[in-house]
Amino acid sequence: MSGQREANRMHDAARRHEHKYRQLYSSARWKALRAKQLQDHPLCAFHLKRNKVVEASVVHHVNPEDKDDIATFFRGPFESLCKPCHDSAGQKEDKRGYTIGCDINGMPLDPDHPWNS
């Protein structure tokens, strides 16, 4: 049981840290930036890489560390994604540091992929 308690404590601490930045998503500045991004780039970037057209509904921080600092939160770069891509592929990419996917020759689409190192 103590292992579960410790896990809960760590989770709660992480959520408290995130909370101060999560409130920025409800700011007028973010809402205006989000609207402009979706107006300028209305299609999901992940789907476009695979030659599919899907409407975007989420603005994603390309550099995930930027959303954890008030000084860089609004700076960008950003990309437009559909909600399923953001909630699955986008989160995995943030943790991994590169996008999974390859072209017709089997070469990675993402220049940051370890294969290109």
PDB file of N, CA and C in Angstrom:
ATOM      1  N   MET A   1       0.815  -1.196   0.000  1.00  0.00           N
ATOM      2  CA  MET A   1       0.000   0.000   0.000  1.00  0.00           C
ATOM      3  C   MET A   1       0.855   1.256   0.000  1.00  0.00           C
ATOM      4  N   SER A   2       1.999   1.222   0.661  1.00  0.00           N
ATOM      5  CA  SER A   2       2.847   2.406   0.711  1.00  0.00           C
ATOM      6  C   SER A   2       3.384   2.761  -0.674  1.00  0.00           C
ATOM      7  N   GLY A   3       3.601   1.754  -1.526  1.00  0.00           N
ATOM      8  CA  GLY A   3       4.039   2.017  -2.895  1.00  0.00           C
ATOM      9  C   GLY A   3       2.992   2.805  -3.666  1.00  0.00           C
ATOM     10  N   GLN A   4       1.725   2.448  -3.466  1.00  0.00           N
ATOM     11  CA  GLN A   4       0.630   3.160  -4.114  1.00  0.00           C
ATOM     12  C   GLN A   4       0.512   4.581  -3.570  1.00  0.00           C
ATOM     13  N   ARG A   5       0.684   4.737  -2.269  1.00  0.00           N
ATOM     14  CA  ARG A   5       0.639   6.076  -1.675  1.00  0.00           C
ATOM     15  C   ARG A   5       1.738   6.968  -2.241  1.00  0.00           C
ATOM     16  N   GLU A   6       2.923   6.408  -2.377  1.00  0.00           N
ATOM     17  CA  GLU A   6       4.044   7.176  -2.935  1.00  0.00           C
ATOM     18  C   GLU A   6       3.763   7.565  -4.391  1.00  0.00           C
ATOM     19  N   ALA A   7       3.220   6.635  -5.148  1.00  0.00           N
ATOM     20  CA  ALA A   7       2.858   6.920  -6.542  1.00  0.00           C
ATOM     21  C   ALA A   7       1.820   8.038  -6.597  1.00  0.00           C
ATOM     22  N   ASN A   8       0.841   7.991  -5.703  1.00  0.00           N
ATOM     23  CA  ASN A   8      -0.178   9.045  -5.655  1.00  0.00           C
ATOM     24  C   ASN A   8       0.424  10.389  -5.285  1.00  0.00           C
ATOM     25  N   ARG A   9       1.356  10.392  -4.345  1.00  0.00           N
ATOM     26  CA  ARG A   9       2.021  11.640  -3.953  1.00  0.00           C
ATOM     27  C   ARG A   9       2.793  12.241  -5.126  1.00  0.00           C
ATOM     28  N   MET A  10       3.508  11.396  -5.846  1.00  0.00           N
ATOM     29  CA  MET A  10       4.282  11.874  -6.996  1.00  0.00           C
ATOM     30  C   MET A  10       3.350  12.425  -8.081  1.00  0.00           C
ATOM     31  N   HIS A  11       2.242  11.726  -8.311  1.00  0.00           N
ATOM     32  CA  HIS A  11       1.263  12.174  -9.302  1.00  0.00           C
ATOM     33  C   HIS A  11       0.687  13.534  -8.903  1.00  0.00           C
ATOM     34  N   ASP A  12       0.321  13.665  -7.636  1.00  0.00           N
ATOM     35  CA  ASP A  12      -0.237  14.928  -7.147  1.00  0.00           C
ATOM     36  C   ASP A  12       0.765  16.074  -7.259  1.00  0.00           C
ATOM     37  N   ALA A  13       2.019  15.806  -6.972  1.00  0.00           N
ATOM     38  CA  ALA A  13       3.060  16.836  -7.085  1.00  0.00           C
ATOM     39  C   ALA A  13       3.210  17.280  -8.537  1.00  0.00           C
ATOM     40  N   ALA A  14       3.189  16.323  -9.448  1.00  0.00           N
ATOM     41  CA  ALA A  14       3.309  16.663 -10.871  1.00  0.00           C
ATOM     42  C   ALA A  14       2.116  17.496 -11.321  1.00  0.00           C
ATOM     43  N   ARG A  15       0.921  17.146 -10.873  1.00  0.00           N
ATOM     44  CA  ARG A  15      -0.274  17.897 -11.249  1.00  0.00           C
ATOM     45  C   ARG A  15      -0.226  19.325 -10.687  1.00  0.00           C
ATOM     46  N   ARG A  16       0.276  19.492  -9.473  1.00  0.00           N
ATOM     47  CA  ARG A  16       0.401  20.848  -8.905  1.00  0.00           C
ATOM     48  C   ARG A  16       1.354  21.682  -9.744  1.00  0.00           C
ATOM     49  N   HIS A  17       2.460  21.080 -10.182  1.00  0.00           N
ATOM     50  CA  HIS A  17       3.423  21.793 -11.026  1.00  0.00           C
ATOM     51  C   HIS A  17       2.764  22.189 -12.350  1.00  0.00           C
ATOM     52  N   GLU A  18       2.013  21.274 -12.962  1.00  0.00           N
ATOM     53  CA  GLU A  18       1.359  21.548 -14.240  1.00  0.00           C
ATOM     54  C   GLU A  18       0.271  22.603 -14.105  1.00  0.00           C
ATOM     55  N   HIS A  19      -0.370  22.651 -12.946  1.00  0.00           N
ATOM     56  CA  HIS A  19      -1.524  23.524 -12.762  1.00  0.00           C
ATOM     57  C   HIS A  19      -1.212  24.985 -13.071  1.00  0.00           C
ATOM     58  N   LYS A  20      -0.049  25.460 -12.653  1.00  0.00           N
ATOM     59  CA  LYS A  20       0.244  26.881 -12.875  1.00  0.00           C
ATOM     60  C   LYS A  20       0.394  27.205 -14.360  1.00  0.00           C
ATOM     61  N   TYR A  21       0.725  26.222 -15.182  1.00  0.00           N
ATOM     62  CA  TYR A  21       0.828  26.460 -16.620  1.00  0.00           C
ATOM     63  C   TYR A  21      -0.471  26.125 -17.335  1.00  0.00           C
ATOM     64  N   ARG A  22      -1.243  25.186 -16.808  1.00  0.00           N
ATOM     65  CA  ARG A  22      -2.519  24.818 -17.422  1.00  0.00           C
ATOM     66  C   ARG A  22      -3.470  26.006 -17.473  1.00  0.00           C
ATOM     67  N   GLN A  23      -3.390  26.888 -16.495  1.00  0.00           N
ATOM     68  CA  GLN A  23      -4.301  28.034 -16.495  1.00  0.00           C
ATOM     69  C   GLN A  23      -4.033  28.958 -17.678  1.00  0.00           C
ATOM     70  N   LEU A  24      -2.852  28.907 -18.256  1.00  0.00           N
ATOM     71  CA  LEU A  24      -2.541  29.745 -19.417  1.00  0.00           C
ATOM     72  C   LEU A  24      -3.401  29.373 -20.623  1.00  0.00           C
ATOM     73  N   TYR A  25      -3.855  28.112 -20.683  1.00  0.00           N
ATOM     74  CA  TYR A  25      -4.699  27.680 -21.799  1.00  0.00           C
ATOM     75  C   TYR A  25      -6.059  28.376 -21.795  1.00  0.00           C
ATOM     76  N   SER A  26      -6.474  28.941 -20.676  1.00  0.00           N
ATOM     77  CA  SER A  26      -7.752  29.648 -20.631  1.00  0.00           C
ATOM     78  C   SER A  26      -7.582  31.164 -20.741  1.00  0.00           C
ATOM     79  N   SER A  27      -6.350  31.623 -20.971  1.00  0.00           N
ATOM     80  CA  SER A  27      -6.105  33.067 -21.082  1.00  0.00           C
ATOM     81  C   SER A  27      -6.567  33.594 -22.442  1.00  0.00           C
ATOM     82  N   ALA A  28      -6.905  34.866 -22.473  1.00  0.00           N
ATOM     83  CA  ALA A  28      -7.321  35.502 -23.726  1.00  0.00           C
ATOM     84  C   ALA A  28      -6.195  35.448 -24.758  1.00  0.00           C
ATOM     85  N   ARG A  29      -4.974  35.593 -24.296  1.00  0.00           N
ATOM     86  CA  ARG A  29      -3.826  35.567 -25.214  1.00  0.00           C
ATOM     87  C   ARG A  29      -3.721  34.210 -25.904  1.00  0.00           C
ATOM     88  N   TRP A  30      -3.854  33.109 -25.139  1.00  0.00           N
ATOM     89  CA  TRP A  30      -3.780  31.771 -25.742  1.00  0.00           C
ATOM     90  C   TRP A  30      -4.959  31.539 -26.688  1.00  0.00           C
ATOM     91  N   LYS A  31      -6.153  31.965 -26.280  1.00  0.00           N
ATOM     92  CA  LYS A  31      -7.330  31.753 -27.121  1.00  0.00           C
ATOM     93  C   LYS A  31      -7.181  32.458 -28.464  1.00  0.00           C
ATOM     94  N   ALA A  32      -6.620  33.670 -28.455  1.00  0.00           N
ATOM     95  CA  ALA A  32      -6.393  34.400 -29.707  1.00  0.00           C
ATOM     96  C   ALA A  32      -5.315  33.718 -30.547  1.00  0.00           C
ATOM     97  N   LEU A  33      -4.250  33.282 -29.905  1.00  0.00           N
ATOM     98  CA  LEU A  33      -3.161  32.589 -30.606  1.00  0.00           C
ATOM     99  C   LEU A  33      -3.680  31.287 -31.217  1.00  0.00           C
ATOM    100  N   ARG A  34      -4.469  30.538 -30.441  1.00  0.00           N
ATOM    101  CA  ARG A  34      -5.040  29.276 -30.898  1.00  0.00           C
ATOM    102  C   ARG A  34      -5.945  29.502 -32.114  1.00  0.00           C
ATOM    103  N   ALA A  35      -6.810  30.518 -32.036  1.00  0.00           N
ATOM    104  CA  ALA A  35      -7.723  30.814 -33.143  1.00  0.00           C
ATOM    105  C   ALA A  35      -6.948  31.158 -34.411  1.00  0.00           C
ATOM    106  N   LYS A  36      -5.901  31.955 -34.269  1.00  0.00           N
ATOM    107  CA  LYS A  36      -5.076  32.339 -35.421  1.00  0.00           C
ATOM    108  C   LYS A  36      -4.365  31.123 -36.008  1.00  0.00           C
ATOM    109  N   GLN A  37      -3.803  30.269 -35.158  1.00  0.00           N
ATOM    110  CA  GLN A  37      -3.115  29.067 -35.622  1.00  0.00           C
ATOM    111  C   GLN A  37      -4.072  28.167 -36.413  1.00  0.00           C
ATOM    112  N   LEU A  38      -5.272  27.940 -35.875  1.00  0.00           N
ATOM    113  CA  LEU A  38      -6.231  27.067 -36.550  1.00  0.00           C
ATOM    114  C   LEU A  38      -6.793  27.704 -37.818  1.00  0.00           C
ATOM    115  N   GLN A  39      -6.852  29.029 -37.842  1.00  0.00           N
ATOM    116  CA  GLN A  39      -7.287  29.719 -39.056  1.00  0.00           C
ATOM    117  C   GLN A  39      -6.218  29.596 -40.148  1.00  0.00           C
ATOM    118  N   ASP A  40      -4.959  29.805 -39.771  1.00  0.00           N
ATOM    119  CA  ASP A  40      -3.859  29.739 -40.733  1.00  0.00           C
ATOM    120  C   ASP A  40      -3.535  28.304 -41.162  1.00  0.00           C
ATOM    121  N   HIS A  41      -3.727  27.345 -40.250  1.00  0.00           N
ATOM    122  CA  HIS A  41      -3.390  25.939 -40.506  1.00  0.00           C
ATOM    123  C   HIS A  41      -4.551  25.069 -40.028  1.00  0.00           C
ATOM    124  N   PRO A  42      -5.632  24.969 -40.815  1.00  0.00           N
ATOM    125  CA  PRO A  42      -6.843  24.287 -40.354  1.00  0.00           C
ATOM    126  C   PRO A  42      -6.798  22.759 -40.413  1.00  0.00           C
ATOM    127  N   LEU A  43      -5.730  22.187 -40.968  1.00  0.00           N
ATOM    128  CA  LEU A  43      -5.656  20.730 -41.127  1.00  0.00           C
ATOM    129  C   LEU A  43      -4.624  20.115 -40.199  1.00  0.00           C
ATOM    130  N   CYS A  44      -4.884  18.880 -39.791  1.00  0.00           N
ATOM    131  CA  CYS A  44      -4.003  18.147 -38.894  1.00  0.00           C
ATOM    132  C   CYS A  44      -2.654  17.884 -39.554  1.00  0.00           C
ATOM    133  N   ALA A  45      -1.593  18.357 -38.933  1.00  0.00           N
ATOM    134  CA  ALA A  45      -0.242  18.214 -39.484  1.00  0.00           C
ATOM    135  C   ALA A  45       0.179  16.754 -39.573  1.00  0.00           C
ATOM    136  N   PHE A  46      -0.188  15.930 -38.595  1.00  0.00           N
ATOM    137  CA  PHE A  46       0.189  14.513 -38.623  1.00  0.00           C
ATOM    138  C   PHE A  46      -0.482  13.795 -39.792  1.00  0.00           C
ATOM    139  N   HIS A  47      -1.762  14.107 -40.034  1.00  0.00           N
ATOM    140  CA  HIS A  47      -2.461  13.485 -41.156  1.00  0.00           C
ATOM    141  C   HIS A  47      -1.911  13.981 -42.492  1.00  0.00           C
ATOM    142  N   LEU A  48      -1.579  15.254 -42.578  1.00  0.00           N
ATOM    143  CA  LEU A  48      -1.032  15.793 -43.825  1.00  0.00           C
ATOM    144  C   LEU A  48       0.270  15.107 -44.213  1.00  0.00           C
ATOM    145  N   LYS A  49       1.099  14.740 -43.213  1.00  0.00           N
ATOM    146  CA  LYS A  49       2.350  14.027 -43.505  1.00  0.00           C
ATOM    147  C   LYS A  49       2.079  12.693 -44.178  1.00  0.00           C
ATOM    148  N   ARG A  50       0.875  12.171 -43.976  1.00  0.00           N
ATOM    149  CA  ARG A  50       0.491  10.882 -44.567  1.00  0.00           C
ATOM    150  C   ARG A  50      -0.503  11.081 -45.711  1.00  0.00           C
ATOM    151  N   ASN A  51      -0.542  12.317 -46.249  1.00  0.00           N
ATOM    152  CA  ASN A  51      -1.399  12.673 -47.384  1.00  0.00           C
ATOM    153  C   ASN A  51      -2.883  12.433 -47.115  1.00  0.00           C
ATOM    154  N   LYS A  52      -3.312  12.705 -45.877  1.00  0.00           N
ATOM    155  CA  LYS A  52      -4.725  12.604 -45.513  1.00  0.00           C
ATOM    156  C   LYS A  52      -5.186  13.972 -45.036  1.00  0.00           C
ATOM    157  N   VAL A  53      -6.433  14.295 -45.327  1.00  0.00           N
ATOM    158  CA  VAL A  53      -6.995  15.593 -44.965  1.00  0.00           C
ATOM    159  C   VAL A  53      -7.977  15.399 -43.808  1.00  0.00           C
ATOM    160  N   VAL A  54      -7.607  15.936 -42.643  1.00  0.00           N
ATOM    161  CA  VAL A  54      -8.448  15.871 -41.445  1.00  0.00           C
ATOM    162  C   VAL A  54      -8.401  17.242 -40.782  1.00  0.00           C
ATOM    163  N   GLU A  55      -9.568  17.744 -40.393  1.00  0.00           N
ATOM    164  CA  GLU A  55      -9.638  19.050 -39.749  1.00  0.00           C
ATOM    165  C   GLU A  55      -8.954  19.030 -38.382  1.00  0.00           C
ATOM    166  N   ALA A  56      -8.172  20.061 -38.107  1.00  0.00           N
ATOM    167  CA  ALA A  56      -7.486  20.197 -36.812  1.00  0.00           C
ATOM    168  C   ALA A  56      -8.403  20.907 -35.823  1.00  0.00           C
ATOM    169  N   SER A  57      -8.228  20.573 -34.545  1.00  0.00           N
ATOM    170  CA  SER A  57      -9.009  21.229 -33.502  1.00  0.00           C
ATOM    171  C   SER A  57      -8.155  21.585 -32.282  1.00  0.00           C
ATOM    172  N   VAL A  58      -6.883  21.181 -32.290  1.00  0.00           N
ATOM    173  CA  VAL A  58      -5.994  21.392 -31.147  1.00  0.00           C
ATOM    174  C   VAL A  58      -4.711  22.069 -31.627  1.00  0.00           C
ATOM    175  N   VAL A  59      -4.210  23.013 -30.853  1.00  0.00           N
ATOM    176  CA  VAL A  59      -2.917  23.638 -31.143  1.00  0.00           C
ATOM    177  C   VAL A  59      -1.891  23.011 -30.200  1.00  0.00           C
ATOM    178  N   HIS A  60      -0.865  22.446 -30.790  1.00  0.00           N
ATOM    179  CA  HIS A  60       0.130  21.654 -30.075  1.00  0.00           C
ATOM    180  C   HIS A  60       1.464  22.398 -30.028  1.00  0.00           C
ATOM    181  N   HIS A  61       2.104  22.419 -28.866  1.00  0.00           N
ATOM    182  CA  HIS A  61       3.457  22.974 -28.757  1.00  0.00           C
ATOM    183  C   HIS A  61       4.422  21.983 -29.413  1.00  0.00           C
ATOM    184  N   VAL A  62       5.133  22.394 -30.448  1.00  0.00           N
ATOM    185  CA  VAL A  62       6.087  21.524 -31.124  1.00  0.00           C
ATOM    186  C   VAL A  62       7.212  21.143 -30.162  1.00  0.00           C
ATOM    187  N   ASN A  63       7.683  22.101 -29.377  1.00  0.00           N
ATOM    188  CA  ASN A  63       8.703  21.836 -28.358  1.00  0.00           C
ATOM    189  C   ASN A  63       7.996  21.699 -27.025  1.00  0.00           C
ATOM    190  N   PRO A  64       7.812  20.472 -26.533  1.00  0.00           N
ATOM    191  CA  PRO A  64       7.005  20.282 -25.316  1.00  0.00           C
ATOM    192  C   PRO A  64       7.525  21.024 -24.095  1.00  0.00           C
ATOM    193  N   GLU A  65       8.833  21.278 -24.031  1.00  0.00           N
ATOM    194  CA  GLU A  65       9.366  21.998 -22.876  1.00  0.00           C
ATOM    195  C   GLU A  65       8.895  23.449 -22.850  1.00  0.00           C
ATOM    196  N   ASP A  66       8.468  23.992 -23.991  1.00  0.00           N
ATOM    197  CA  ASP A  66       8.001  25.376 -24.049  1.00  0.00           C
ATOM    198  C   ASP A  66       6.714  25.593 -23.272  1.00  0.00           C
ATOM    199  N   LYS A  67       5.905  24.557 -23.113  1.00  0.00           N
ATOM    200  CA  LYS A  67       4.642  24.746 -22.405  1.00  0.00           C
ATOM    201  C   LYS A  67       4.823  24.726 -20.894  1.00  0.00           C
ATOM    202  N   ASP A  68       6.029  24.434 -20.428  1.00  0.00           N
ATOM    203  CA  ASP A  68       6.303  24.379 -18.989  1.00  0.00           C
ATOM    204  C   ASP A  68       6.986  25.634 -18.463  1.00  0.00           C
ATOM    205  N   ASP A  69       7.034  26.675 -19.269  1.00  0.00           N
ATOM    206  CA  ASP A  69       7.698  27.903 -18.866  1.00  0.00           C
ATOM    207  C   ASP A  69       6.880  29.080 -19.376  1.00  0.00           C
ATOM    208  N   ILE A  70       6.453  29.935 -18.487  1.00  0.00           N
ATOM    209  CA  ILE A  70       5.604  31.059 -18.872  1.00  0.00           C
ATOM    210  C   ILE A  70       6.297  31.932 -19.923  1.00  0.00           C
ATOM    211  N   ALA A  71       7.605  32.060 -19.849  1.00  0.00           N
ATOM    212  CA  ALA A  71       8.344  32.900 -20.803  1.00  0.00           C
ATOM    213  C   ALA A  71       8.279  32.349 -22.226  1.00  0.00           C
ATOM    214  N   THR A  72       8.137  31.041 -22.387  1.00  0.00           N
ATOM    215  CA  THR A  72       8.137  30.443 -23.725  1.00  0.00           C
ATOM    216  C   THR A  72       6.777  29.890 -24.147  1.00  0.00           C
ATOM    217  N   PHE A  73       5.801  29.898 -23.257  1.00  0.00           N
ATOM    218  CA  PHE A  73       4.504  29.277 -23.514  1.00  0.00           C
ATOM    219  C   PHE A  73       3.844  29.799 -24.789  1.00  0.00           C
ATOM    220  N   PHE A  74       3.903  31.099 -25.016  1.00  0.00           N
ATOM    221  CA  PHE A  74       3.206  31.724 -26.140  1.00  0.00           C
ATOM    222  C   PHE A  74       4.096  31.904 -27.374  1.00  0.00           C
ATOM    223  N   ARG A  75       5.342  31.493 -27.290  1.00  0.00           N
ATOM    224  CA  ARG A  75       6.318  31.776 -28.346  1.00  0.00           C
ATOM    225  C   ARG A  75       6.187  30.868 -29.555  1.00  0.00           C
ATOM    226  N   GLY A  76       5.865  29.610 -29.351  1.00  0.00           N
ATOM    227  CA  GLY A  76       5.818  28.673 -30.466  1.00  0.00           C
ATOM    228  C   GLY A  76       7.181  28.073 -30.695  1.00  0.00           C
ATOM    229  N   PRO A  77       7.345  27.267 -31.663  1.00  0.00           N
ATOM    230  CA  PRO A  77       6.423  26.985 -32.757  1.00  0.00           C
ATOM    231  C   PRO A  77       5.275  26.068 -32.320  1.00  0.00           C
ATOM    232  N   PHE A  78       4.178  26.176 -33.087  1.00  0.00           N
ATOM    233  CA  PHE A  78       2.989  25.385 -32.832  1.00  0.00           C
ATOM    234  C   PHE A  78       2.631  24.609 -34.091  1.00  0.00           C
ATOM    235  N   GLU A  79       1.819  23.575 -33.913  1.00  0.00           N
ATOM    236  CA  GLU A  79       1.264  22.873 -35.052  1.00  0.00           C
ATOM    237  C   GLU A  79      -0.187  22.541 -34.741  1.00  0.00           C
ATOM    238  N   SER A  80      -0.986  22.484 -35.783  1.00  0.00           N
ATOM    239  CA  SER A  80      -2.396  22.158 -35.639  1.00  0.00           C
ATOM    240  C   SER A  80      -2.557  20.647 -35.775  1.00  0.00           C
ATOM    241  N   LEU A  81      -3.338  20.062 -34.857  1.00  0.00           N
ATOM    242  CA  LEU A  81      -3.587  18.620 -34.877  1.00  0.00           C
ATOM    243  C   LEU A  81      -5.068  18.356 -34.630  1.00  0.00           C
ATOM    244  N   CYS A  82      -5.532  17.192 -35.073  1.00  0.00           N
ATOM    245  CA  CYS A  82      -6.868  16.750 -34.671  1.00  0.00           C
ATOM    246  C   CYS A  82      -6.736  16.201 -33.247  1.00  0.00           C
ATOM    247  N   LYS A  83      -7.830  16.115 -32.535  1.00  0.00           N
ATOM    248  CA  LYS A  83      -7.775  15.670 -31.139  1.00  0.00           C
ATOM    249  C   LYS A  83      -7.213  14.258 -30.987  1.00  0.00           C
ATOM    250  N   PRO A  84      -7.627  13.279 -31.806  1.00  0.00           N
ATOM    251  CA  PRO A  84      -7.040  11.939 -31.647  1.00  0.00           C
ATOM    252  C   PRO A  84      -5.518  11.917 -31.838  1.00  0.00           C
ATOM    253  N   CYS A  85      -5.006  12.668 -32.795  1.00  0.00           N
ATOM    254  CA  CYS A  85      -3.551  12.703 -33.000  1.00  0.00           C
ATOM    255  C   CYS A  85      -2.864  13.368 -31.817  1.00  0.00           C
ATOM    256  N   HIS A  86      -3.429  14.460 -31.331  1.00  0.00           N
ATOM    257  CA  HIS A  86      -2.818  15.148 -30.202  1.00  0.00           C
ATOM    258  C   HIS A  86      -2.799  14.267 -28.962  1.00  0.00           C
ATOM    259  N   ASP A  87      -3.910  13.592 -28.699  1.00  0.00           N
ATOM    260  CA  ASP A  87      -4.028  12.812 -27.471  1.00  0.00           C
ATOM    261  C   ASP A  87      -3.261  11.498 -27.518  1.00  0.00           C
ATOM    262  N   SER A  88      -2.897  11.034 -28.700  1.00  0.00           N
ATOM    263  CA  SER A  88      -2.130   9.789 -28.764  1.00  0.00           C
ATOM    264  C   SER A  88      -0.750  10.049 -29.348  1.00  0.00           C
ATOM    265  N   ALA A  89      -0.682  10.271 -30.632  1.00  0.00           N
ATOM    266  CA  ALA A  89       0.609  10.443 -31.300  1.00  0.00           C
ATOM    267  C   ALA A  89       1.361  11.659 -30.779  1.00  0.00           C
ATOM    268  N   GLY A  90       0.651  12.769 -30.565  1.00  0.00           N
ATOM    269  CA  GLY A  90       1.317  13.994 -30.099  1.00  0.00           C
ATOM    270  C   GLY A  90       1.966  13.820 -28.739  1.00  0.00           C
ATOM    271  N   GLN A  91       1.270  13.155 -27.837  1.00  0.00           N
ATOM    272  CA  GLN A  91       1.825  12.944 -26.506  1.00  0.00           C
ATOM    273  C   GLN A  91       3.010  11.973 -26.553  1.00  0.00           C
ATOM    274  N   LYS A  92       2.895  10.939 -27.362  1.00  0.00           N
ATOM    275  CA  LYS A  92       4.005   9.980 -27.494  1.00  0.00           C
ATOM    276  C   LYS A  92       5.228  10.657 -28.104  1.00  0.00           C
ATOM    277  N   GLU A  93       4.990  11.506 -29.104  1.00  0.00           N
ATOM    278  CA  GLU A  93       6.101  12.221 -29.739  1.00  0.00           C
ATOM    279  C   GLU A  93       6.798  13.132 -28.737  1.00  0.00           C
ATOM    280  N   ASP A  94       6.019  13.807 -27.897  1.00  0.00           N
ATOM    281  CA  ASP A  94       6.611  14.679 -26.877  1.00  0.00           C
ATOM    282  C   ASP A  94       7.560  13.892 -25.978  1.00  0.00           C
ATOM    283  N   LYS A  95       7.135  12.715 -25.568  1.00  0.00           N
ATOM    284  CA  LYS A  95       7.950  11.904 -24.661  1.00  0.00           C
ATOM    285  C   LYS A  95       9.158  11.298 -25.373  1.00  0.00           C
ATOM    286  N   ARG A  96       8.954  10.872 -26.625  1.00  0.00           N
ATOM    287  CA  ARG A  96      10.003  10.197 -27.374  1.00  0.00           C
ATOM    288  C   ARG A  96      11.007  11.191 -27.956  1.00  0.00           C
ATOM    289  N   GLY A  97      10.498  12.330 -28.437  1.00  0.00           N
ATOM    290  CA  GLY A  97      11.372  13.340 -29.016  1.00  0.00           C
ATOM    291  C   GLY A  97      11.438  13.314 -30.539  1.00  0.00           C
ATOM    292  N   TYR A  98      10.712  12.407 -31.160  1.00  0.00           N
ATOM    293  CA  TYR A  98      10.667  12.348 -32.623  1.00  0.00           C
ATOM    294  C   TYR A  98       9.377  11.654 -33.054  1.00  0.00           C
ATOM    295  N   THR A  99       9.027  11.831 -34.327  1.00  0.00           N
ATOM    296  CA  THR A  99       7.822  11.245 -34.889  1.00  0.00           C
ATOM    297  C   THR A  99       8.137   9.903 -35.517  1.00  0.00           C
ATOM    298  N   ILE A 100       7.257   8.945 -35.315  1.00  0.00           N
ATOM    299  CA  ILE A 100       7.395   7.653 -35.982  1.00  0.00           C
ATOM    300  C   ILE A 100       6.688   7.751 -37.329  1.00  0.00           C
ATOM    301  N   GLY A 101       7.283   7.208 -38.326  1.00  0.00           N
ATOM    302  CA  GLY A 101       6.710   7.194 -39.672  1.00  0.00           C
ATOM    303  C   GLY A 101       7.829   7.241 -40.686  1.00  0.00           C
ATOM    304  N   CYS A 102       7.577   6.653 -41.847  1.00  0.00           N
ATOM    305  CA  CYS A 102       8.617   6.647 -42.873  1.00  0.00           C
ATOM    306  C   CYS A 102       8.010   6.914 -44.242  1.00  0.00           C
ATOM    307  N   ASP A 103       8.867   7.282 -45.184  1.00  0.00           N
ATOM    308  CA  ASP A 103       8.423   7.545 -46.545  1.00  0.00           C
ATOM    309  C   ASP A 103       8.348   6.223 -47.314  1.00  0.00           C
ATOM    310  N   ILE A 104       8.062   6.306 -48.600  1.00  0.00           N
ATOM    311  CA  ILE A 104       7.902   5.078 -49.400  1.00  0.00           C
ATOM    312  C   ILE A 104       9.196   4.294 -49.541  1.00  0.00           C
ATOM    313  N   ASN A 105      10.326   4.937 -49.246  1.00  0.00           N
ATOM    314  CA  ASN A 105      11.620   4.243 -49.305  1.00  0.00           C
ATOM    315  C   ASN A 105      12.031   3.669 -47.952  1.00  0.00           C
ATOM    316  N   GLY A 106      11.186   3.849 -46.949  1.00  0.00           N
ATOM    317  CA  GLY A 106      11.498   3.327 -45.618  1.00  0.00           C
ATOM    318  C   GLY A 106      12.354   4.244 -44.772  1.00  0.00           C
ATOM    319  N   MET A 107      12.578   5.468 -45.229  1.00  0.00           N
ATOM    320  CA  MET A 107      13.386   6.425 -44.470  1.00  0.00           C
ATOM    321  C   MET A 107      12.479   7.217 -43.526  1.00  0.00           C
ATOM    322  N   PRO A 108      12.949   7.494 -42.289  1.00  0.00           N
ATOM    323  CA  PRO A 108      12.130   8.229 -41.321  1.00  0.00           C
ATOM    324  C   PRO A 108      11.736   9.612 -41.847  1.00  0.00           C
ATOM    325  N   LEU A 109      10.485   9.987 -41.564  1.00  0.00           N
ATOM    326  CA  LEU A 109       9.992  11.304 -41.975  1.00  0.00           C
ATOM    327  C   LEU A 109      10.576  12.417 -41.113  1.00  0.00           C
ATOM    328  N   ASP A 110      10.844  12.108 -39.860  1.00  0.00           N
ATOM    329  CA  ASP A 110      11.310  13.116 -38.912  1.00  0.00           C
ATOM    330  C   ASP A 110      12.834  13.217 -38.937  1.00  0.00           C
ATOM    331  N   PRO A 111      13.377  14.402 -39.220  1.00  0.00           N
ATOM    332  CA  PRO A 111      14.833  14.558 -39.221  1.00  0.00           C
ATOM    333  C   PRO A 111      15.467  14.311 -37.856  1.00  0.00           C
ATOM    334  N   ASP A 112      14.670  14.380 -36.768  1.00  0.00           N
ATOM    335  CA  ASP A 112      15.197  14.130 -35.426  1.00  0.00           C
ATOM    336  C   ASP A 112      15.180  12.654 -35.044  1.00  0.00           C
ATOM    337  N   HIS A 113      14.721  11.799 -35.943  1.00  0.00           N
ATOM    338  CA  HIS A 113      14.679  10.351 -35.658  1.00  0.00           C
ATOM    339  C   HIS A 113      16.111   9.839 -35.454  1.00  0.00           C
ATOM    340  N   PRO A 114      16.336   8.931 -34.484  1.00  0.00           N
ATOM    341  CA  PRO A 114      17.694   8.430 -34.212  1.00  0.00           C
ATOM    342  C   PRO A 114      18.392   7.828 -35.433  1.00  0.00           C
ATOM    343  N   TRP A 115      17.637   7.309 -36.375  1.00  0.00           N
ATOM    344  CA  TRP A 115      18.231   6.743 -37.595  1.00  0.00           C
ATOM    345  C   TRP A 115      19.051   7.790 -38.347  1.00  0.00           C
ATOM    346  N   ASN A 116      18.624   9.048 -38.248  1.00  0.00           N
ATOM    347  CA  ASN A 116      19.307  10.129 -38.973  1.00  0.00           C
ATOM    348  C   ASN A 116      20.522  10.675 -38.218  1.00  0.00           C
ATOM    349  N   SER A 117      20.834  10.106 -37.060  1.00  0.00           N
ATOM    350  CA  SER A 117      21.962  10.606 -36.268  1.00  0.00           C
ATOM    351  C   SER A 117      23.289  10.125 -36.803  1.00  0.00           C
TER     352      SER A 117
END
